[in-house]
Amino acid sequence: MFILDDLLFRPFVGIVDTLHTMALSEIYDVDALEDELKENQLLYELGERSETEYQERKAELEEELEIARDVHERLTSGRVEVKS
């Protein structure tokens, strides 16, 4: 019975783990968040965004960036996994 489980279940878990990793990488895209921070700064410097809007968006993006970096750190260290 265990051999059958290994043959049928292990490949499925591997695929799900790969999809999970890809989804987290896409959702928590560090480069995209850094680009948004730069864009926010540029819009503020060009006068297209008020200082209040700039500060609020900057705080949101920095928080998201911190979370994204934590997720990527966990992905690279192998601490994020799909439980079977």
PDB file of N, CA and C in Angstrom:
ATOM      1  N   MET A   1       0.821  -1.206   0.000  1.00  0.00           N
ATOM      2  CA  MET A   1       0.000   0.000   0.000  1.00  0.00           C
ATOM      3  C   MET A   1       0.863   1.268   0.000  1.00  0.00           C
ATOM      4  N   PHE A   2       1.969   1.242   0.773  1.00  0.00           N
ATOM      5  CA  PHE A   2       2.832   2.425   0.836  1.00  0.00           C
ATOM      6  C   PHE A   2       3.533   2.684  -0.493  1.00  0.00           C
ATOM      7  N   ILE A   3       3.868   1.643  -1.201  1.00  0.00           N
ATOM      8  CA  ILE A   3       4.507   1.811  -2.506  1.00  0.00           C
ATOM      9  C   ILE A   3       3.540   2.476  -3.463  1.00  0.00           C
ATOM     10  N   LEU A   4       2.285   2.055  -3.428  1.00  0.00           N
ATOM     11  CA  LEU A   4       1.265   2.649  -4.286  1.00  0.00           C
ATOM     12  C   LEU A   4       1.068   4.123  -3.945  1.00  0.00           C
ATOM     13  N   ASP A   5       1.059   4.427  -2.663  1.00  0.00           N
ATOM     14  CA  ASP A   5       0.950   5.829  -2.243  1.00  0.00           C
ATOM     15  C   ASP A   5       2.122   6.655  -2.772  1.00  0.00           C
ATOM     16  N   ASP A   6       3.332   6.100  -2.671  1.00  0.00           N
ATOM     17  CA  ASP A   6       4.515   6.813  -3.153  1.00  0.00           C
ATOM     18  C   ASP A   6       4.456   7.048  -4.653  1.00  0.00           C
ATOM     19  N   LEU A   7       3.964   6.066  -5.377  1.00  0.00           N
ATOM     20  CA  LEU A   7       3.905   6.190  -6.838  1.00  0.00           C
ATOM     21  C   LEU A   7       2.823   7.155  -7.301  1.00  0.00           C
ATOM     22  N   LEU A   8       1.713   7.206  -6.593  1.00  0.00           N
ATOM     23  CA  LEU A   8       0.600   8.052  -7.018  1.00  0.00           C
ATOM     24  C   LEU A   8       0.580   9.420  -6.339  1.00  0.00           C
ATOM     25  N   PHE A   9       1.009   9.474  -5.107  1.00  0.00           N
ATOM     26  CA  PHE A   9       0.837  10.688  -4.321  1.00  0.00           C
ATOM     27  C   PHE A   9       2.042  11.624  -4.408  1.00  0.00           C
ATOM     28  N   ARG A  10       3.262  11.103  -4.388  1.00  0.00           N
ATOM     29  CA  ARG A  10       4.467  11.935  -4.404  1.00  0.00           C
ATOM     30  C   ARG A  10       4.552  12.864  -5.615  1.00  0.00           C
ATOM     31  N   PRO A  11       4.303  12.376  -6.840  1.00  0.00           N
ATOM     32  CA  PRO A  11       4.359  13.305  -7.988  1.00  0.00           C
ATOM     33  C   PRO A  11       3.342  14.438  -7.872  1.00  0.00           C
ATOM     34  N   PHE A  12       2.166  14.142  -7.355  1.00  0.00           N
ATOM     35  CA  PHE A  12       1.126  15.155  -7.179  1.00  0.00           C
ATOM     36  C   PHE A  12       1.588  16.223  -6.190  1.00  0.00           C
ATOM     37  N   VAL A  13       2.187  15.796  -5.080  1.00  0.00           N
ATOM     38  CA  VAL A  13       2.677  16.739  -4.070  1.00  0.00           C
ATOM     39  C   VAL A  13       3.791  17.603  -4.663  1.00  0.00           C
ATOM     40  N   GLY A  14       4.655  16.998  -5.468  1.00  0.00           N
ATOM     41  CA  GLY A  14       5.725  17.762  -6.103  1.00  0.00           C
ATOM     42  C   GLY A  14       5.190  18.837  -7.029  1.00  0.00           C
ATOM     43  N   ILE A  15       4.174  18.499  -7.792  1.00  0.00           N
ATOM     44  CA  ILE A  15       3.561  19.471  -8.712  1.00  0.00           C
ATOM     45  C   ILE A  15       2.892  20.592  -7.930  1.00  0.00           C
ATOM     46  N   VAL A  16       2.167  20.236  -6.888  1.00  0.00           N
ATOM     47  CA  VAL A  16       1.482  21.241  -6.063  1.00  0.00           C
ATOM     48  C   VAL A  16       2.507  22.149  -5.392  1.00  0.00           C
ATOM     49  N   ASP A  17       3.604  21.578  -4.909  1.00  0.00           N
ATOM     50  CA  ASP A  17       4.652  22.377  -4.273  1.00  0.00           C
ATOM     51  C   ASP A  17       5.262  23.365  -5.273  1.00  0.00           C
ATOM     52  N   THR A  18       5.509  22.913  -6.483  1.00  0.00           N
ATOM     53  CA  THR A  18       6.056  23.792  -7.524  1.00  0.00           C
ATOM     54  C   THR A  18       5.081  24.916  -7.867  1.00  0.00           C
ATOM     55  N   LEU A  19       3.809  24.579  -8.023  1.00  0.00           N
ATOM     56  CA  LEU A  19       2.791  25.600  -8.317  1.00  0.00           C
ATOM     57  C   LEU A  19       2.663  26.597  -7.171  1.00  0.00           C
ATOM     58  N   HIS A  20       2.740  26.103  -5.956  1.00  0.00           N
ATOM     59  CA  HIS A  20       2.659  26.954  -4.766  1.00  0.00           C
ATOM     60  C   HIS A  20       3.816  27.953  -4.755  1.00  0.00           C
ATOM     61  N   THR A  21       5.016  27.464  -5.018  1.00  0.00           N
ATOM     62  CA  THR A  21       6.204  28.320  -5.055  1.00  0.00           C
ATOM     63  C   THR A  21       6.082  29.368  -6.157  1.00  0.00           C
ATOM     64  N   MET A  22       5.631  28.944  -7.331  1.00  0.00           N
ATOM     65  CA  MET A  22       5.469  29.887  -8.448  1.00  0.00           C
ATOM     66  C   MET A  22       4.428  30.949  -8.120  1.00  0.00           C
ATOM     67  N   ALA A  23       3.335  30.549  -7.497  1.00  0.00           N
ATOM     68  CA  ALA A  23       2.281  31.502  -7.149  1.00  0.00           C
ATOM     69  C   ALA A  23       2.782  32.522  -6.135  1.00  0.00           C
ATOM     70  N   LEU A  24       3.499  32.058  -5.116  1.00  0.00           N
ATOM     71  CA  LEU A  24       4.030  32.989  -4.120  1.00  0.00           C
ATOM     72  C   LEU A  24       5.041  33.950  -4.740  1.00  0.00           C
ATOM     73  N   SER A  25       5.859  33.447  -5.642  1.00  0.00           N
ATOM     74  CA  SER A  25       6.830  34.322  -6.307  1.00  0.00           C
ATOM     75  C   SER A  25       6.136  35.394  -7.140  1.00  0.00           C
ATOM     76  N   GLU A  26       5.039  35.038  -7.765  1.00  0.00           N
ATOM     77  CA  GLU A  26       4.293  35.989  -8.594  1.00  0.00           C
ATOM     78  C   GLU A  26       3.546  37.011  -7.733  1.00  0.00           C
ATOM     79  N   ILE A  27       2.936  36.537  -6.659  1.00  0.00           N
ATOM     80  CA  ILE A  27       2.154  37.428  -5.791  1.00  0.00           C
ATOM     81  C   ILE A  27       3.066  38.405  -5.045  1.00  0.00           C
ATOM     82  N   TYR A  28       4.190  37.899  -4.568  1.00  0.00           N
ATOM     83  CA  TYR A  28       5.116  38.710  -3.786  1.00  0.00           C
ATOM     84  C   TYR A  28       6.348  39.038  -4.628  1.00  0.00           C
ATOM     85  N   ASP A  29       6.157  39.808  -5.674  1.00  0.00           N
ATOM     86  CA  ASP A  29       7.220  40.168  -6.613  1.00  0.00           C
ATOM     87  C   ASP A  29       7.993  41.371  -6.077  1.00  0.00           C
ATOM     88  N   VAL A  30       9.171  41.119  -5.554  1.00  0.00           N
ATOM     89  CA  VAL A  30       9.997  42.158  -4.943  1.00  0.00           C
ATOM     90  C   VAL A  30      10.374  43.233  -5.965  1.00  0.00           C
ATOM     91  N   ASP A  31      10.769  42.821  -7.160  1.00  0.00           N
ATOM     92  CA  ASP A  31      11.177  43.787  -8.183  1.00  0.00           C
ATOM     93  C   ASP A  31      10.037  44.727  -8.567  1.00  0.00           C
ATOM     94  N   ALA A  32       8.838  44.184  -8.700  1.00  0.00           N
ATOM     95  CA  ALA A  32       7.688  45.020  -9.059  1.00  0.00           C
ATOM     96  C   ALA A  32       7.383  46.028  -7.953  1.00  0.00           C
ATOM     97  N   LEU A  33       7.497  45.609  -6.702  1.00  0.00           N
ATOM     98  CA  LEU A  33       7.243  46.525  -5.592  1.00  0.00           C
ATOM     99  C   LEU A  33       8.310  47.626  -5.521  1.00  0.00           C
ATOM    100  N   GLU A  34       9.558  47.259  -5.788  1.00  0.00           N
ATOM    101  CA  GLU A  34      10.610  48.279  -5.810  1.00  0.00           C
ATOM    102  C   GLU A  34      10.376  49.270  -6.947  1.00  0.00           C
ATOM    103  N   ASP A  35       9.910  48.781  -8.089  1.00  0.00           N
ATOM    104  CA  ASP A  35       9.580  49.668  -9.205  1.00  0.00           C
ATOM    105  C   ASP A  35       8.436  50.609  -8.843  1.00  0.00           C
ATOM    106  N   GLU A  36       7.441  50.092  -8.123  1.00  0.00           N
ATOM    107  CA  GLU A  36       6.321  50.941  -7.692  1.00  0.00           C
ATOM    108  C   GLU A  36       6.787  52.022  -6.728  1.00  0.00           C
ATOM    109  N   LEU A  37       7.730  51.673  -5.850  1.00  0.00           N
ATOM    110  CA  LEU A  37       8.292  52.688  -4.940  1.00  0.00           C
ATOM    111  C   LEU A  37       8.985  53.796  -5.728  1.00  0.00           C
ATOM    112  N   LYS A  38       9.752  53.422  -6.726  1.00  0.00           N
ATOM    113  CA  LYS A  38      10.439  54.411  -7.569  1.00  0.00           C
ATOM    114  C   LYS A  38       9.437  55.268  -8.328  1.00  0.00           C
ATOM    115  N   GLU A  39       8.390  54.623  -8.844  1.00  0.00           N
ATOM    116  CA  GLU A  39       7.362  55.366  -9.578  1.00  0.00           C
ATOM    117  C   GLU A  39       6.654  56.349  -8.658  1.00  0.00           C
ATOM    118  N   ASN A  40       6.363  55.915  -7.445  1.00  0.00           N
ATOM    119  CA  ASN A  40       5.711  56.786  -6.472  1.00  0.00           C
ATOM    120  C   ASN A  40       6.574  58.008  -6.189  1.00  0.00           C
ATOM    121  N   GLN A  41       7.876  57.788  -6.005  1.00  0.00           N
ATOM    122  CA  GLN A  41       8.822  58.889  -5.766  1.00  0.00           C
ATOM    123  C   GLN A  41       8.851  59.838  -6.958  1.00  0.00           C
ATOM    124  N   LEU A  42       8.893  59.282  -8.151  1.00  0.00           N
ATOM    125  CA  LEU A  42       8.940  60.103  -9.365  1.00  0.00           C
ATOM    126  C   LEU A  42       7.673  60.945  -9.519  1.00  0.00           C
ATOM    127  N   LEU A  43       6.525  60.343  -9.291  1.00  0.00           N
ATOM    128  CA  LEU A  43       5.264  61.086  -9.400  1.00  0.00           C
ATOM    129  C   LEU A  43       5.210  62.225  -8.387  1.00  0.00           C
ATOM    130  N   TYR A  44       5.751  61.983  -7.196  1.00  0.00           N
ATOM    131  CA  TYR A  44       5.799  63.034  -6.183  1.00  0.00           C
ATOM    132  C   TYR A  44       6.728  64.159  -6.624  1.00  0.00           C
ATOM    133  N   GLU A  45       7.909  63.781  -7.127  1.00  0.00           N
ATOM    134  CA  GLU A  45       8.877  64.791  -7.551  1.00  0.00           C
ATOM    135  C   GLU A  45       8.380  65.610  -8.737  1.00  0.00           C
ATOM    136  N   LEU A  46       7.562  64.995  -9.606  1.00  0.00           N
ATOM    137  CA  LEU A  46       7.000  65.712 -10.751  1.00  0.00           C
ATOM    138  C   LEU A  46       5.780  66.542 -10.372  1.00  0.00           C
ATOM    139  N   GLY A  47       5.322  66.415  -9.138  1.00  0.00           N
ATOM    140  CA  GLY A  47       4.178  67.183  -8.676  1.00  0.00           C
ATOM    141  C   GLY A  47       2.835  66.577  -9.045  1.00  0.00           C
ATOM    142  N   GLU A  48       2.829  65.352  -9.509  1.00  0.00           N
ATOM    143  CA  GLU A  48       1.575  64.698  -9.885  1.00  0.00           C
ATOM    144  C   GLU A  48       0.928  63.980  -8.707  1.00  0.00           C
ATOM    145  N   ARG A  49       1.622  63.968  -7.580  1.00  0.00           N
ATOM    146  CA  ARG A  49       1.091  63.316  -6.384  1.00  0.00           C
ATOM    147  C   ARG A  49       1.393  64.217  -5.201  1.00  0.00           C
ATOM    148  N   SER A  50       0.392  64.415  -4.348  1.00  0.00           N
ATOM    149  CA  SER A  50       0.595  65.274  -3.169  1.00  0.00           C
ATOM    150  C   SER A  50       1.494  64.555  -2.162  1.00  0.00           C
ATOM    151  N   GLU A  51       2.019  65.326  -1.224  1.00  0.00           N
ATOM    152  CA  GLU A  51       2.908  64.728  -0.218  1.00  0.00           C
ATOM    153  C   GLU A  51       2.162  63.710   0.636  1.00  0.00           C
ATOM    154  N   THR A  52       0.909  63.979   0.943  1.00  0.00           N
ATOM    155  CA  THR A  52       0.113  63.036   1.733  1.00  0.00           C
ATOM    156  C   THR A  52      -0.084  61.726   0.986  1.00  0.00           C
ATOM    157  N   GLU A  53      -0.469  61.819  -0.282  1.00  0.00           N
ATOM    158  CA  GLU A  53      -0.641  60.610  -1.102  1.00  0.00           C
ATOM    159  C   GLU A  53       0.673  59.849  -1.216  1.00  0.00           C
ATOM    160  N   TYR A  54       1.742  60.604  -1.412  1.00  0.00           N
ATOM    161  CA  TYR A  54       3.070  59.999  -1.541  1.00  0.00           C
ATOM    162  C   TYR A  54       3.446  59.226  -0.275  1.00  0.00           C
ATOM    163  N   GLN A  55       3.287  59.866   0.871  1.00  0.00           N
ATOM    164  CA  GLN A  55       3.657  59.233   2.140  1.00  0.00           C
ATOM    165  C   GLN A  55       2.803  57.993   2.418  1.00  0.00           C
ATOM    166  N   GLU A  56       1.491  58.091   2.148  1.00  0.00           N
ATOM    167  CA  GLU A  56       0.601  56.952   2.383  1.00  0.00           C
ATOM    168  C   GLU A  56       0.971  55.771   1.491  1.00  0.00           C
ATOM    169  N   ARG A  57       1.178  56.054   0.211  1.00  0.00           N
ATOM    170  CA  ARG A  57       1.516  54.976  -0.736  1.00  0.00           C
ATOM    171  C   ARG A  57       2.894  54.395  -0.425  1.00  0.00           C
ATOM    172  N   LYS A  58       3.835  55.262  -0.030  1.00  0.00           N
ATOM    173  CA  LYS A  58       5.167  54.799   0.317  1.00  0.00           C
ATOM    174  C   LYS A  58       5.108  53.842   1.508  1.00  0.00           C
ATOM    175  N   ALA A  59       4.334  54.179   2.528  1.00  0.00           N
ATOM    176  CA  ALA A  59       4.199  53.312   3.707  1.00  0.00           C
ATOM    177  C   ALA A  59       3.585  51.967   3.321  1.00  0.00           C
ATOM    178  N   GLU A  60       2.555  51.993   2.473  1.00  0.00           N
ATOM    179  CA  GLU A  60       1.919  50.749   2.016  1.00  0.00           C
ATOM    180  C   GLU A  60       2.912  49.873   1.258  1.00  0.00           C
ATOM    181  N   LEU A  61       3.634  50.489   0.329  1.00  0.00           N
ATOM    182  CA  LEU A  61       4.580  49.742  -0.494  1.00  0.00           C
ATOM    183  C   LEU A  61       5.743  49.184   0.327  1.00  0.00           C
ATOM    184  N   GLU A  62       6.228  49.955   1.287  1.00  0.00           N
ATOM    185  CA  GLU A  62       7.319  49.467   2.122  1.00  0.00           C
ATOM    186  C   GLU A  62       6.879  48.278   2.964  1.00  0.00           C
ATOM    187  N   GLU A  63       5.647  48.313   3.447  1.00  0.00           N
ATOM    188  CA  GLU A  63       5.105  47.181   4.210  1.00  0.00           C
ATOM    189  C   GLU A  63       4.974  45.944   3.318  1.00  0.00           C
ATOM    190  N   GLU A  64       4.434  46.137   2.122  1.00  0.00           N
ATOM    191  CA  GLU A  64       4.301  45.023   1.178  1.00  0.00           C
ATOM    192  C   GLU A  64       5.673  44.475   0.788  1.00  0.00           C
ATOM    193  N   LEU A  65       6.644  45.363   0.615  1.00  0.00           N
ATOM    194  CA  LEU A  65       7.987  44.951   0.233  1.00  0.00           C
ATOM    195  C   LEU A  65       8.643  44.124   1.339  1.00  0.00           C
ATOM    196  N   GLU A  66       8.436  44.517   2.568  1.00  0.00           N
ATOM    197  CA  GLU A  66       8.976  43.758   3.703  1.00  0.00           C
ATOM    198  C   GLU A  66       8.386  42.346   3.736  1.00  0.00           C
ATOM    199  N   ILE A  67       7.086  42.249   3.519  1.00  0.00           N
ATOM    200  CA  ILE A  67       6.425  40.941   3.486  1.00  0.00           C
ATOM    201  C   ILE A  67       6.948  40.110   2.320  1.00  0.00           C
ATOM    202  N   ALA A  68       7.081  40.738   1.162  1.00  0.00           N
ATOM    203  CA  ALA A  68       7.561  40.027  -0.025  1.00  0.00           C
ATOM    204  C   ALA A  68       8.975  39.502   0.183  1.00  0.00           C
ATOM    205  N   ARG A  69       9.829  40.302   0.779  1.00  0.00           N
ATOM    206  CA  ARG A  69      11.200  39.848   1.039  1.00  0.00           C
ATOM    207  C   ARG A  69      11.214  38.679   2.023  1.00  0.00           C
ATOM    208  N   ASP A  70      10.351  38.737   3.027  1.00  0.00           N
ATOM    209  CA  ASP A  70      10.250  37.633   3.986  1.00  0.00           C
ATOM    210  C   ASP A  70       9.794  36.349   3.288  1.00  0.00           C
ATOM    211  N   VAL A  71       8.797  36.466   2.417  1.00  0.00           N
ATOM    212  CA  VAL A  71       8.299  35.296   1.683  1.00  0.00           C
ATOM    213  C   VAL A  71       9.396  34.719   0.803  1.00  0.00           C
ATOM    214  N   HIS A  72      10.124  35.574   0.095  1.00  0.00           N
ATOM    215  CA  HIS A  72      11.199  35.093  -0.773  1.00  0.00           C
ATOM    216  C   HIS A  72      12.330  34.456   0.037  1.00  0.00           C
ATOM    217  N   GLU A  73      12.605  35.007   1.203  1.00  0.00           N
ATOM    218  CA  GLU A  73      13.621  34.419   2.078  1.00  0.00           C
ATOM    219  C   GLU A  73      13.189  33.021   2.508  1.00  0.00           C
ATOM    220  N   ARG A  74      11.920  32.889   2.851  1.00  0.00           N
ATOM    221  CA  ARG A  74      11.403  31.573   3.248  1.00  0.00           C
ATOM    222  C   ARG A  74      11.414  30.595   2.083  1.00  0.00           C
ATOM    223  N   LEU A  75      11.094  31.077   0.893  1.00  0.00           N
ATOM    224  CA  LEU A  75      11.118  30.203  -0.288  1.00  0.00           C
ATOM    225  C   LEU A  75      12.525  29.693  -0.574  1.00  0.00           C
ATOM    226  N   THR A  76      13.503  30.571  -0.506  1.00  0.00           N
ATOM    227  CA  THR A  76      14.871  30.162  -0.823  1.00  0.00           C
ATOM    228  C   THR A  76      15.472  29.292   0.263  1.00  0.00           C
ATOM    229  N   SER A  77      15.021  29.464   1.494  1.00  0.00           N
ATOM    230  CA  SER A  77      15.556  28.638   2.579  1.00  0.00           C
ATOM    231  C   SER A  77      14.801  27.317   2.705  1.00  0.00           C
ATOM    232  N   GLY A  78      13.686  27.192   1.981  1.00  0.00           N
ATOM    233  CA  GLY A  78      12.916  25.953   2.022  1.00  0.00           C
ATOM    234  C   GLY A  78      11.972  25.858   3.199  1.00  0.00           C
ATOM    235  N   ARG A  79      11.701  26.952   3.877  1.00  0.00           N
ATOM    236  CA  ARG A  79      10.807  26.928   5.039  1.00  0.00           C
ATOM    237  C   ARG A  79       9.328  26.984   4.678  1.00  0.00           C
ATOM    238  N   VAL A  80       9.014  27.229   3.402  1.00  0.00           N
ATOM    239  CA  VAL A  80       7.632  27.218   2.947  1.00  0.00           C
ATOM    240  C   VAL A  80       7.420  25.925   2.175  1.00  0.00           C
ATOM    241  N   GLU A  81       6.450  25.148   2.611  1.00  0.00           N
ATOM    242  CA  GLU A  81       6.197  23.876   1.937  1.00  0.00           C
ATOM    243  C   GLU A  81       4.728  23.538   1.983  1.00  0.00           C
ATOM    244  N   VAL A  82       4.326  22.664   1.089  1.00  0.00           N
ATOM    245  CA  VAL A  82       2.949  22.197   1.045  1.00  0.00           C
ATOM    246  C   VAL A  82       2.855  20.994   1.960  1.00  0.00           C
ATOM    247  N   LYS A  83       1.931  21.029   2.890  1.00  0.00           N
ATOM    248  CA  LYS A  83       1.740  19.907   3.817  1.00  0.00           C
ATOM    249  C   LYS A  83       0.917  18.833   3.153  1.00  0.00           C
ATOM    250  N   SER A  84       1.347  17.606   3.291  1.00  0.00           N
ATOM    251  CA  SER A  84       0.602  16.488   2.704  1.00  0.00           C
ATOM    252  C   SER A  84      -0.283  15.807   3.715  1.00  0.00           C
TER     253      SER A  84
END
